[in-house]
PDB file of N, CA and C in Angstrom:
ATOM      1  N   UNK A   1     -64.991  37.797 -53.982  1.00  0.00           N
ATOM      2  CA  UNK A   1     -66.048  37.923 -52.991  1.00  0.00           C
ATOM      3  C   UNK A   1     -66.950  39.087 -53.379  1.00  0.00           C
ATOM      4  N   UNK A   2     -68.193  38.921 -53.148  1.00  0.00           N
ATOM      5  CA  UNK A   2     -69.138  40.008 -53.394  1.00  0.00           C
ATOM      6  C   UNK A   2     -69.159  40.939 -52.187  1.00  0.00           C
ATOM      7  N   UNK A   3     -69.108  42.225 -52.471  1.00  0.00           N
ATOM      8  CA  UNK A   3     -69.175  43.205 -51.380  1.00  0.00           C
ATOM      9  C   UNK A   3     -70.619  43.599 -51.152  1.00  0.00           C
ATOM     10  N   UNK A   4     -70.960  44.047 -49.960  1.00  0.00           N
ATOM     11  CA  UNK A   4     -70.086  44.151 -48.787  1.00  0.00           C
ATOM     12  C   UNK A   4     -69.930  42.804 -48.082  1.00  0.00           C
ATOM     13  N   UNK A   5     -68.829  42.689 -47.353  1.00  0.00           N
ATOM     14  CA  UNK A   5     -68.576  41.570 -46.460  1.00  0.00           C
ATOM     15  C   UNK A   5     -67.724  42.112 -45.310  1.00  0.00           C
ATOM     16  N   UNK A   6     -67.357  41.272 -44.378  1.00  0.00           N
ATOM     17  CA  UNK A   6     -66.627  41.724 -43.196  1.00  0.00           C
ATOM     18  C   UNK A   6     -65.268  41.044 -43.109  1.00  0.00           C
ATOM     19  N   UNK A   7     -64.301  41.775 -42.579  1.00  0.00           N
ATOM     20  CA  UNK A   7     -62.955  41.262 -42.334  1.00  0.00           C
ATOM     21  C   UNK A   7     -62.657  41.371 -40.845  1.00  0.00           C
ATOM     22  N   UNK A   8     -62.171  40.284 -40.275  1.00  0.00           N
ATOM     23  CA  UNK A   8     -61.684  40.284 -38.901  1.00  0.00           C
ATOM     24  C   UNK A   8     -60.161  40.259 -39.000  1.00  0.00           C
ATOM     25  N   UNK A   9     -59.526  41.323 -38.540  1.00  0.00           N
ATOM     26  CA  UNK A   9     -58.079  41.466 -38.626  1.00  0.00           C
ATOM     27  C   UNK A   9     -57.497  41.216 -37.235  1.00  0.00           C
ATOM     28  N   UNK A  10     -56.732  40.137 -37.125  1.00  0.00           N
ATOM     29  CA  UNK A  10     -56.131  39.742 -35.859  1.00  0.00           C
ATOM     30  C   UNK A  10     -54.625  39.945 -35.973  1.00  0.00           C
ATOM     31  N   UNK A  11     -54.083  40.906 -35.227  1.00  0.00           N
ATOM     32  CA  UNK A  11     -52.648  41.170 -35.219  1.00  0.00           C
ATOM     33  C   UNK A  11     -52.088  40.767 -33.859  1.00  0.00           C
ATOM     34  N   UNK A  12     -50.828  40.300 -33.857  1.00  0.00           N
ATOM     35  CA  UNK A  12     -50.266  39.808 -32.607  1.00  0.00           C
ATOM     36  C   UNK A  12     -48.748  39.769 -32.644  1.00  0.00           C
ATOM     37  N   UNK A  13     -48.167  39.732 -31.446  1.00  0.00           N
ATOM     38  CA  UNK A  13     -46.776  39.352 -31.264  1.00  0.00           C
ATOM     39  C   UNK A  13     -46.784  38.122 -30.366  1.00  0.00           C
ATOM     40  N   UNK A  14     -45.821  37.241 -30.588  1.00  0.00           N
ATOM     41  CA  UNK A  14     -45.805  35.969 -29.883  1.00  0.00           C
ATOM     42  C   UNK A  14     -44.797  35.952 -28.742  1.00  0.00           C
ATOM     43  N   UNK A  15     -45.027  35.033 -27.819  1.00  0.00           N
ATOM     44  CA  UNK A  15     -44.074  34.754 -26.751  1.00  0.00           C
ATOM     45  C   UNK A  15     -43.032  33.768 -27.289  1.00  0.00           C
ATOM     46  N   UNK A  16     -42.123  33.352 -26.446  1.00  0.00           N
ATOM     47  CA  UNK A  16     -41.149  32.338 -26.828  1.00  0.00           C
ATOM     48  C   UNK A  16     -41.701  30.918 -26.671  1.00  0.00           C
ATOM     49  N   UNK A  17     -42.840  30.764 -25.990  1.00  0.00           N
ATOM     50  CA  UNK A  17     -43.448  29.448 -25.757  1.00  0.00           C
ATOM     51  C   UNK A  17     -44.508  29.186 -26.819  1.00  0.00           C
ATOM     52  N   UNK A  18     -44.113  28.554 -27.917  1.00  0.00           N
ATOM     53  CA  UNK A  18     -45.039  28.282 -29.019  1.00  0.00           C
ATOM     54  C   UNK A  18     -45.385  26.803 -29.136  1.00  0.00           C
ATOM     55  N   UNK A  19     -45.163  26.059 -28.063  1.00  0.00           N
ATOM     56  CA  UNK A  19     -45.479  24.631 -28.056  1.00  0.00           C
ATOM     57  C   UNK A  19     -46.970  24.423 -28.348  1.00  0.00           C
ATOM     58  N   UNK A  20     -47.276  23.704 -29.419  1.00  0.00           N
ATOM     59  CA  UNK A  20     -48.661  23.425 -29.789  1.00  0.00           C
ATOM     60  C   UNK A  20     -49.319  24.486 -30.642  1.00  0.00           C
ATOM     61  N   UNK A  21     -48.629  25.607 -30.864  1.00  0.00           N
ATOM     62  CA  UNK A  21     -49.244  26.735 -31.590  1.00  0.00           C
ATOM     63  C   UNK A  21     -49.580  26.388 -33.040  1.00  0.00           C
ATOM     64  N   UNK A  22     -48.629  25.834 -33.773  1.00  0.00           N
ATOM     65  CA  UNK A  22     -48.866  25.552 -35.188  1.00  0.00           C
ATOM     66  C   UNK A  22     -50.028  24.583 -35.387  1.00  0.00           C
ATOM     67  N   UNK A  23     -50.092  23.565 -34.540  1.00  0.00           N
ATOM     68  CA  UNK A  23     -51.177  22.599 -34.631  1.00  0.00           C
ATOM     69  C   UNK A  23     -52.530  23.258 -34.369  1.00  0.00           C
ATOM     70  N   UNK A  24     -52.580  24.121 -33.357  1.00  0.00           N
ATOM     71  CA  UNK A  24     -53.829  24.800 -33.030  1.00  0.00           C
ATOM     72  C   UNK A  24     -54.219  25.780 -34.132  1.00  0.00           C
ATOM     73  N   UNK A  25     -53.248  26.498 -34.681  1.00  0.00           N
ATOM     74  CA  UNK A  25     -53.549  27.438 -35.763  1.00  0.00           C
ATOM     75  C   UNK A  25     -54.151  26.705 -36.957  1.00  0.00           C
ATOM     76  N   UNK A  26     -53.605  25.551 -37.304  1.00  0.00           N
ATOM     77  CA  UNK A  26     -54.156  24.777 -38.421  1.00  0.00           C
ATOM     78  C   UNK A  26     -55.552  24.258 -38.097  1.00  0.00           C
ATOM     79  N   UNK A  27     -55.734  23.797 -36.868  1.00  0.00           N
ATOM     80  CA  UNK A  27     -57.056  23.320 -36.436  1.00  0.00           C
ATOM     81  C   UNK A  27     -58.083  24.440 -36.530  1.00  0.00           C
ATOM     82  N   UNK A  28     -57.714  25.652 -36.107  1.00  0.00           N
ATOM     83  CA  UNK A  28     -58.648  26.779 -36.157  1.00  0.00           C
ATOM     84  C   UNK A  28     -58.967  27.164 -37.600  1.00  0.00           C
ATOM     85  N   UNK A  29     -57.976  27.127 -38.476  1.00  0.00           N
ATOM     86  CA  UNK A  29     -58.245  27.448 -39.875  1.00  0.00           C
ATOM     87  C   UNK A  29     -59.191  26.407 -40.490  1.00  0.00           C
ATOM     88  N   UNK A  30     -58.943  25.131 -40.205  1.00  0.00           N
ATOM     89  CA  UNK A  30     -59.819  24.076 -40.713  1.00  0.00           C
ATOM     90  C   UNK A  30     -61.231  24.220 -40.166  1.00  0.00           C
ATOM     91  N   UNK A  31     -61.348  24.536 -38.893  1.00  0.00           N
ATOM     92  CA  UNK A  31     -62.654  24.692 -38.254  1.00  0.00           C
ATOM     93  C   UNK A  31     -63.395  25.916 -38.795  1.00  0.00           C
ATOM     94  N   UNK A  32     -62.674  27.018 -38.963  1.00  0.00           N
ATOM     95  CA  UNK A  32     -63.310  28.238 -39.489  1.00  0.00           C
ATOM     96  C   UNK A  32     -63.914  27.977 -40.861  1.00  0.00           C
ATOM     97  N   UNK A  33     -63.227  27.185 -41.693  1.00  0.00           N
ATOM     98  CA  UNK A  33     -63.722  26.893 -43.033  1.00  0.00           C
ATOM     99  C   UNK A  33     -65.060  26.170 -43.015  1.00  0.00           C
ATOM    100  N   UNK A  34     -65.388  25.531 -41.912  1.00  0.00           N
ATOM    101  CA  UNK A  34     -66.645  24.794 -41.781  1.00  0.00           C
ATOM    102  C   UNK A  34     -67.788  25.665 -41.261  1.00  0.00           C
ATOM    103  N   UNK A  35     -67.487  26.885 -40.838  1.00  0.00           N
ATOM    104  CA  UNK A  35     -68.487  27.747 -40.217  1.00  0.00           C
ATOM    105  C   UNK A  35     -69.364  28.418 -41.274  1.00  0.00           C
ATOM    106  N   UNK A  36     -70.670  28.464 -41.037  1.00  0.00           N
ATOM    107  CA  UNK A  36     -71.541  29.212 -41.953  1.00  0.00           C
ATOM    108  C   UNK A  36     -71.099  30.676 -42.036  1.00  0.00           C
ATOM    109  N   UNK A  37     -71.045  31.191 -43.244  1.00  0.00           N
ATOM    110  CA  UNK A  37     -70.675  32.588 -43.448  1.00  0.00           C
ATOM    111  C   UNK A  37     -69.197  32.825 -43.659  1.00  0.00           C
ATOM    112  N   UNK A  38     -68.356  31.797 -43.551  1.00  0.00           N
ATOM    113  CA  UNK A  38     -66.911  31.938 -43.755  1.00  0.00           C
ATOM    114  C   UNK A  38     -66.631  32.129 -45.242  1.00  0.00           C
ATOM    115  N   UNK A  39     -65.743  33.083 -45.562  1.00  0.00           N
ATOM    116  CA  UNK A  39     -65.415  33.375 -46.952  1.00  0.00           C
ATOM    117  C   UNK A  39     -63.950  33.122 -47.311  1.00  0.00           C
ATOM    118  N   UNK A  40     -63.044  33.159 -46.333  1.00  0.00           N
ATOM    119  CA  UNK A  40     -61.633  32.954 -46.641  1.00  0.00           C
ATOM    120  C   UNK A  40     -60.737  33.497 -45.556  1.00  0.00           C
ATOM    121  N   UNK A  41     -59.404  33.340 -45.782  1.00  0.00           N
ATOM    122  CA  UNK A  41     -58.439  33.769 -44.770  1.00  0.00           C
ATOM    123  C   UNK A  41     -57.097  34.074 -45.440  1.00  0.00           C
ATOM    124  N   UNK A  42     -56.396  35.066 -44.904  1.00  0.00           N
ATOM    125  CA  UNK A  42     -55.037  35.406 -45.317  1.00  0.00           C
ATOM    126  C   UNK A  42     -54.159  35.492 -44.076  1.00  0.00           C
ATOM    127  N   UNK A  43     -52.849  35.165 -44.232  1.00  0.00           N
ATOM    128  CA  UNK A  43     -51.894  35.212 -43.116  1.00  0.00           C
ATOM    129  C   UNK A  43     -50.607  35.895 -43.548  1.00  0.00           C
ATOM    130  N   UNK A  44     -49.939  36.505 -42.586  1.00  0.00           N
ATOM    131  CA  UNK A  44     -48.578  37.018 -42.785  1.00  0.00           C
ATOM    132  C   UNK A  44     -47.902  37.051 -41.412  1.00  0.00           C
ATOM    133  N   UNK A  45     -46.599  36.762 -41.380  1.00  0.00           N
ATOM    134  CA  UNK A  45     -45.869  36.849 -40.118  1.00  0.00           C
ATOM    135  C   UNK A  45     -44.434  37.251 -40.388  1.00  0.00           C
ATOM    136  N   UNK A  46     -44.016  38.294 -39.710  1.00  0.00           N
ATOM    137  CA  UNK A  46     -42.618  38.668 -39.553  1.00  0.00           C
ATOM    138  C   UNK A  46     -42.473  38.968 -38.073  1.00  0.00           C
ATOM    139  N   UNK A  47     -42.253  40.215 -37.725  1.00  0.00           N
ATOM    140  CA  UNK A  47     -42.224  40.589 -36.309  1.00  0.00           C
ATOM    141  C   UNK A  47     -43.631  40.577 -35.719  1.00  0.00           C
ATOM    142  N   UNK A  48     -44.599  40.932 -36.547  1.00  0.00           N
ATOM    143  CA  UNK A  48     -46.007  40.938 -36.140  1.00  0.00           C
ATOM    144  C   UNK A  48     -46.753  39.922 -36.990  1.00  0.00           C
ATOM    145  N   UNK A  49     -47.602  39.145 -36.350  1.00  0.00           N
ATOM    146  CA  UNK A  49     -48.454  38.213 -37.084  1.00  0.00           C
ATOM    147  C   UNK A  49     -49.758  38.907 -37.449  1.00  0.00           C
ATOM    148  N   UNK A  50     -50.240  38.631 -38.643  1.00  0.00           N
ATOM    149  CA  UNK A  50     -51.513  39.189 -39.102  1.00  0.00           C
ATOM    150  C   UNK A  50     -52.317  38.061 -39.723  1.00  0.00           C
ATOM    151  N   UNK A  51     -53.498  37.842 -39.218  1.00  0.00           N
ATOM    152  CA  UNK A  51     -54.444  36.907 -39.818  1.00  0.00           C
ATOM    153  C   UNK A  51     -55.722  37.679 -40.091  1.00  0.00           C
ATOM    154  N   UNK A  52     -56.188  37.599 -41.315  1.00  0.00           N
ATOM    155  CA  UNK A  52     -57.434  38.254 -41.695  1.00  0.00           C
ATOM    156  C   UNK A  52     -58.398  37.171 -42.154  1.00  0.00           C
ATOM    157  N   UNK A  53     -59.528  37.079 -41.484  1.00  0.00           N
ATOM    158  CA  UNK A  53     -60.572  36.162 -41.928  1.00  0.00           C
ATOM    159  C   UNK A  53     -61.726  36.979 -42.477  1.00  0.00           C
ATOM    160  N   UNK A  54     -62.409  36.421 -43.458  1.00  0.00           N
ATOM    161  CA  UNK A  54     -63.468  37.129 -44.170  1.00  0.00           C
ATOM    162  C   UNK A  54     -64.793  36.408 -43.942  1.00  0.00           C
ATOM    163  N   UNK A  55     -65.831  37.215 -43.697  1.00  0.00           N
ATOM    164  CA  UNK A  55     -67.132  36.668 -43.302  1.00  0.00           C
ATOM    165  C   UNK A  55     -68.262  37.399 -44.018  1.00  0.00           C
ATOM    166  N   UNK A  56     -69.357  36.674 -44.230  1.00  0.00           N
ATOM    167  CA  UNK A  56     -70.520  37.252 -44.912  1.00  0.00           C
ATOM    168  C   UNK A  56     -71.188  38.356 -44.102  1.00  0.00           C
ATOM    169  N   UNK A  57     -71.239  38.195 -42.771  1.00  0.00           N
ATOM    170  CA  UNK A  57     -71.976  39.156 -41.947  1.00  0.00           C
ATOM    171  C   UNK A  57     -71.486  39.104 -40.502  1.00  0.00           C
ATOM    172  N   UNK A  58     -71.997  40.024 -39.701  1.00  0.00           N
ATOM    173  CA  UNK A  58     -71.582  40.110 -38.295  1.00  0.00           C
ATOM    174  C   UNK A  58     -72.046  38.919 -37.474  1.00  0.00           C
ATOM    175  N   UNK A  59     -73.194  38.337 -37.823  1.00  0.00           N
ATOM    176  CA  UNK A  59     -73.663  37.156 -37.092  1.00  0.00           C
ATOM    177  C   UNK A  59     -72.703  35.983 -37.270  1.00  0.00           C
ATOM    178  N   UNK A  60     -72.156  35.811 -38.465  1.00  0.00           N
ATOM    179  CA  UNK A  60     -71.194  34.735 -38.704  1.00  0.00           C
ATOM    180  C   UNK A  60     -69.954  34.936 -37.832  1.00  0.00           C
ATOM    181  N   UNK A  61     -69.507  36.173 -37.699  1.00  0.00           N
ATOM    182  CA  UNK A  61     -68.349  36.481 -36.849  1.00  0.00           C
ATOM    183  C   UNK A  61     -68.683  36.188 -35.387  1.00  0.00           C
ATOM    184  N   UNK A  62     -69.836  36.608 -34.962  1.00  0.00           N
ATOM    185  CA  UNK A  62     -70.266  36.377 -33.578  1.00  0.00           C
ATOM    186  C   UNK A  62     -70.326  34.876 -33.270  1.00  0.00           C
ATOM    187  N   UNK A  63     -70.863  34.098 -34.209  1.00  0.00           N
ATOM    188  CA  UNK A  63     -70.952  32.648 -34.006  1.00  0.00           C
ATOM    189  C   UNK A  63     -69.572  32.003 -33.971  1.00  0.00           C
ATOM    190  N   UNK A  64     -68.641  32.486 -34.787  1.00  0.00           N
ATOM    191  CA  UNK A  64     -67.277  31.962 -34.767  1.00  0.00           C
ATOM    192  C   UNK A  64     -66.610  32.277 -33.429  1.00  0.00           C
ATOM    193  N   UNK A  65     -66.791  33.492 -32.934  1.00  0.00           N
ATOM    194  CA  UNK A  65     -66.201  33.861 -31.647  1.00  0.00           C
ATOM    195  C   UNK A  65     -66.753  32.990 -30.520  1.00  0.00           C
ATOM    196  N   UNK A  66     -68.013  32.566 -30.638  1.00  0.00           N
ATOM    197  CA  UNK A  66     -68.667  31.766 -29.597  1.00  0.00           C
ATOM    198  C   UNK A  66     -68.352  30.270 -29.702  1.00  0.00           C
ATOM    199  N   UNK A  67     -67.705  29.841 -30.783  1.00  0.00           N
ATOM    200  CA  UNK A  67     -67.375  28.432 -30.963  1.00  0.00           C
ATOM    201  C   UNK A  67     -66.471  27.970 -29.808  1.00  0.00           C
ATOM    202  N   UNK A  68     -66.831  26.864 -29.171  1.00  0.00           N
ATOM    203  CA  UNK A  68     -66.111  26.413 -27.974  1.00  0.00           C
ATOM    204  C   UNK A  68     -64.653  26.054 -28.256  1.00  0.00           C
ATOM    205  N   UNK A  69     -64.364  25.423 -29.387  1.00  0.00           N
ATOM    206  CA  UNK A  69     -62.980  25.118 -29.726  1.00  0.00           C
ATOM    207  C   UNK A  69     -62.188  26.404 -29.968  1.00  0.00           C
ATOM    208  N   UNK A  70     -62.825  27.375 -30.592  1.00  0.00           N
ATOM    209  CA  UNK A  70     -62.182  28.668 -30.833  1.00  0.00           C
ATOM    210  C   UNK A  70     -61.927  29.385 -29.502  1.00  0.00           C
ATOM    211  N   UNK A  71     -62.872  29.287 -28.576  1.00  0.00           N
ATOM    212  CA  UNK A  71     -62.673  29.893 -27.260  1.00  0.00           C
ATOM    213  C   UNK A  71     -61.492  29.260 -26.524  1.00  0.00           C
ATOM    214  N   UNK A  72     -61.315  27.949 -26.678  1.00  0.00           N
ATOM    215  CA  UNK A  72     -60.169  27.273 -26.066  1.00  0.00           C
ATOM    216  C   UNK A  72     -58.860  27.772 -26.679  1.00  0.00           C
ATOM    217  N   UNK A  73     -58.831  27.958 -27.985  1.00  0.00           N
ATOM    218  CA  UNK A  73     -57.635  28.494 -28.648  1.00  0.00           C
ATOM    219  C   UNK A  73     -57.355  29.918 -28.159  1.00  0.00           C
ATOM    220  N   UNK A  74     -58.400  30.716 -27.977  1.00  0.00           N
ATOM    221  CA  UNK A  74     -58.221  32.075 -27.473  1.00  0.00           C
ATOM    222  C   UNK A  74     -57.628  32.053 -26.065  1.00  0.00           C
ATOM    223  N   UNK A  75     -58.116  31.151 -25.229  1.00  0.00           N
ATOM    224  CA  UNK A  75     -57.616  31.036 -23.856  1.00  0.00           C
ATOM    225  C   UNK A  75     -56.128  30.669 -23.862  1.00  0.00           C
ATOM    226  N   UNK A  76     -55.763  29.674 -24.671  1.00  0.00           N
ATOM    227  CA  UNK A  76     -54.364  29.266 -24.744  1.00  0.00           C
ATOM    228  C   UNK A  76     -53.495  30.383 -25.314  1.00  0.00           C
ATOM    229  N   UNK A  77     -54.019  31.127 -26.261  1.00  0.00           N
ATOM    230  CA  UNK A  77     -53.276  32.256 -26.817  1.00  0.00           C
ATOM    231  C   UNK A  77     -52.936  33.276 -25.742  1.00  0.00           C
ATOM    232  N   UNK A  78     -53.903  33.600 -24.913  1.00  0.00           N
ATOM    233  CA  UNK A  78     -53.669  34.581 -23.844  1.00  0.00           C
ATOM    234  C   UNK A  78     -52.733  34.034 -22.766  1.00  0.00           C
ATOM    235  N   UNK A  79     -52.870  32.745 -22.461  1.00  0.00           N
ATOM    236  CA  UNK A  79     -52.052  32.153 -21.400  1.00  0.00           C
ATOM    237  C   UNK A  79     -50.627  31.844 -21.843  1.00  0.00           C
ATOM    238  N   UNK A  80     -50.440  31.532 -23.147  1.00  0.00           N
ATOM    239  CA  UNK A  80     -49.191  30.941 -23.580  1.00  0.00           C
ATOM    240  C   UNK A  80     -48.526  31.628 -24.765  1.00  0.00           C
ATOM    241  N   UNK A  81     -49.247  31.796 -25.847  1.00  0.00           N
ATOM    242  CA  UNK A  81     -48.630  32.077 -27.140  1.00  0.00           C
ATOM    243  C   UNK A  81     -48.470  33.548 -27.498  1.00  0.00           C
ATOM    244  N   UNK A  82     -49.303  34.421 -26.951  1.00  0.00           N
ATOM    245  CA  UNK A  82     -49.272  35.828 -27.372  1.00  0.00           C
ATOM    246  C   UNK A  82     -48.751  36.744 -26.279  1.00  0.00           C
ATOM    247  N   UNK A  83     -47.845  37.613 -26.691  1.00  0.00           N
ATOM    248  CA  UNK A  83     -47.396  38.699 -25.834  1.00  0.00           C
ATOM    249  C   UNK A  83     -48.421  39.828 -25.878  1.00  0.00           C
ATOM    250  N   UNK A  84     -48.990  40.012 -27.061  1.00  0.00           N
ATOM    251  CA  UNK A  84     -49.966  41.088 -27.316  1.00  0.00           C
ATOM    252  C   UNK A  84     -50.813  40.673 -28.507  1.00  0.00           C
ATOM    253  N   UNK A  85     -52.079  41.074 -28.505  1.00  0.00           N
ATOM    254  CA  UNK A  85     -52.888  40.905 -29.710  1.00  0.00           C
ATOM    255  C   UNK A  85     -54.012  41.930 -29.743  1.00  0.00           C
ATOM    256  N   UNK A  86     -54.485  42.202 -30.943  1.00  0.00           N
ATOM    257  CA  UNK A  86     -55.582  43.142 -31.168  1.00  0.00           C
ATOM    258  C   UNK A  86     -56.454  42.582 -32.280  1.00  0.00           C
ATOM    259  N   UNK A  87     -57.760  42.739 -32.130  1.00  0.00           N
ATOM    260  CA  UNK A  87     -58.717  42.303 -33.142  1.00  0.00           C
ATOM    261  C   UNK A  87     -59.502  43.510 -33.628  1.00  0.00           C
ATOM    262  N   UNK A  88     -59.617  43.627 -34.938  1.00  0.00           N
ATOM    263  CA  UNK A  88     -60.408  44.692 -35.555  1.00  0.00           C
ATOM    264  C   UNK A  88     -61.429  44.040 -36.471  1.00  0.00           C
ATOM    265  N   UNK A  89     -62.634  44.571 -36.490  1.00  0.00           N
ATOM    266  CA  UNK A  89     -63.679  44.068 -37.376  1.00  0.00           C
ATOM    267  C   UNK A  89     -64.082  45.209 -38.298  1.00  0.00           C
ATOM    268  N   UNK A  90     -63.985  44.956 -39.600  1.00  0.00           N
ATOM    269  CA  UNK A  90     -64.191  46.007 -40.598  1.00  0.00           C
ATOM    270  C   UNK A  90     -65.200  45.554 -41.645  1.00  0.00           C
ATOM    271  N   UNK A  91     -65.986  46.481 -42.118  1.00  0.00           N
ATOM    272  CA  UNK A  91     -66.885  46.210 -43.235  1.00  0.00           C
ATOM    273  C   UNK A  91     -66.161  46.582 -44.527  1.00  0.00           C
ATOM    274  N   UNK A  92     -66.074  45.619 -45.440  1.00  0.00           N
ATOM    275  CA  UNK A  92     -65.429  45.847 -46.738  1.00  0.00           C
ATOM    276  C   UNK A  92     -66.527  46.220 -47.727  1.00  0.00           C
ATOM    277  N   UNK A  93     -66.472  47.444 -48.192  1.00  0.00           N
ATOM    278  CA  UNK A  93     -67.503  47.929 -49.098  1.00  0.00           C
ATOM    279  C   UNK A  93     -67.077  47.877 -50.559  1.00  0.00           C
ATOM    280  N   UNK A  94     -65.763  47.792 -50.779  1.00  0.00           N
ATOM    281  CA  UNK A  94     -65.253  47.799 -52.146  1.00  0.00           C
ATOM    282  C   UNK A  94     -63.919  47.070 -52.153  1.00  0.00           C
ATOM    283  N   UNK A  95     -63.622  46.403 -53.257  1.00  0.00           N
ATOM    284  CA  UNK A  95     -62.320  45.760 -53.395  1.00  0.00           C
ATOM    285  C   UNK A  95     -61.912  45.769 -54.862  1.00  0.00           C
ATOM    286  N   UNK A  96     -60.617  45.721 -55.078  1.00  0.00           N
ATOM    287  CA  UNK A  96     -60.070  45.582 -56.427  1.00  0.00           C
ATOM    288  C   UNK A  96     -58.705  44.955 -56.311  1.00  0.00           C
ATOM    289  N   UNK A  97     -58.204  44.379 -57.406  1.00  0.00           N
ATOM    290  CA  UNK A  97     -56.907  43.715 -57.363  1.00  0.00           C
ATOM    291  C   UNK A  97     -56.210  43.807 -58.705  1.00  0.00           C
ATOM    292  N   UNK A  98     -54.943  43.437 -58.707  1.00  0.00           N
ATOM    293  CA  UNK A  98     -54.105  43.463 -59.894  1.00  0.00           C
ATOM    294  C   UNK A  98     -53.451  42.092 -60.038  1.00  0.00           C
ATOM    295  N   UNK A  99     -53.372  41.578 -61.245  1.00  0.00           N
ATOM    296  CA  UNK A  99     -52.651  40.338 -61.545  1.00  0.00           C
ATOM    297  C   UNK A  99     -51.753  40.580 -62.744  1.00  0.00           C
ATOM    298  N   UNK A 100     -50.477  40.321 -62.596  1.00  0.00           N
ATOM    299  CA  UNK A 100     -49.555  40.411 -63.732  1.00  0.00           C
ATOM    300  C   UNK A 100     -49.720  39.150 -64.584  1.00  0.00           C
ATOM    301  N   UNK A 101     -49.785  39.331 -65.889  1.00  0.00           N
ATOM    302  CA  UNK A 101     -49.924  38.180 -66.787  1.00  0.00           C
ATOM    303  C   UNK A 101     -48.589  37.603 -67.141  1.00  0.00           C
TER     304      UNK A 101
END
C-alpha cells in the first residue's frame, strides 16, 4: 500500500451468544471489499478480537460507517455479540515488513 493511508482498528471481547456472528462477519468483509477506498483487512482472535481495515482516506471510512448493512451489523454487535469493543482510527505514514526466504 502506498502511504499515507488510514487504519481502522476494531478490538473487542465477545459474549457467549455468537449465533449468526460468523456469517455476518464474512458478509461485512465481503461488503467492505466493494467500498470505494477499501485497501485490505487483517484479523486476529484469542481472548481479544482485533480487526484492522485499511482505507485510502477518512471519507472512505465515513462512508463505510454510514453503510446501512454495516450499521445493522453494528447494532447486532452491541445487542448480542460484543461484551466490549473499541474503535481507533489511525493515519499510517510509514510501513515496512520482513519476509524470510
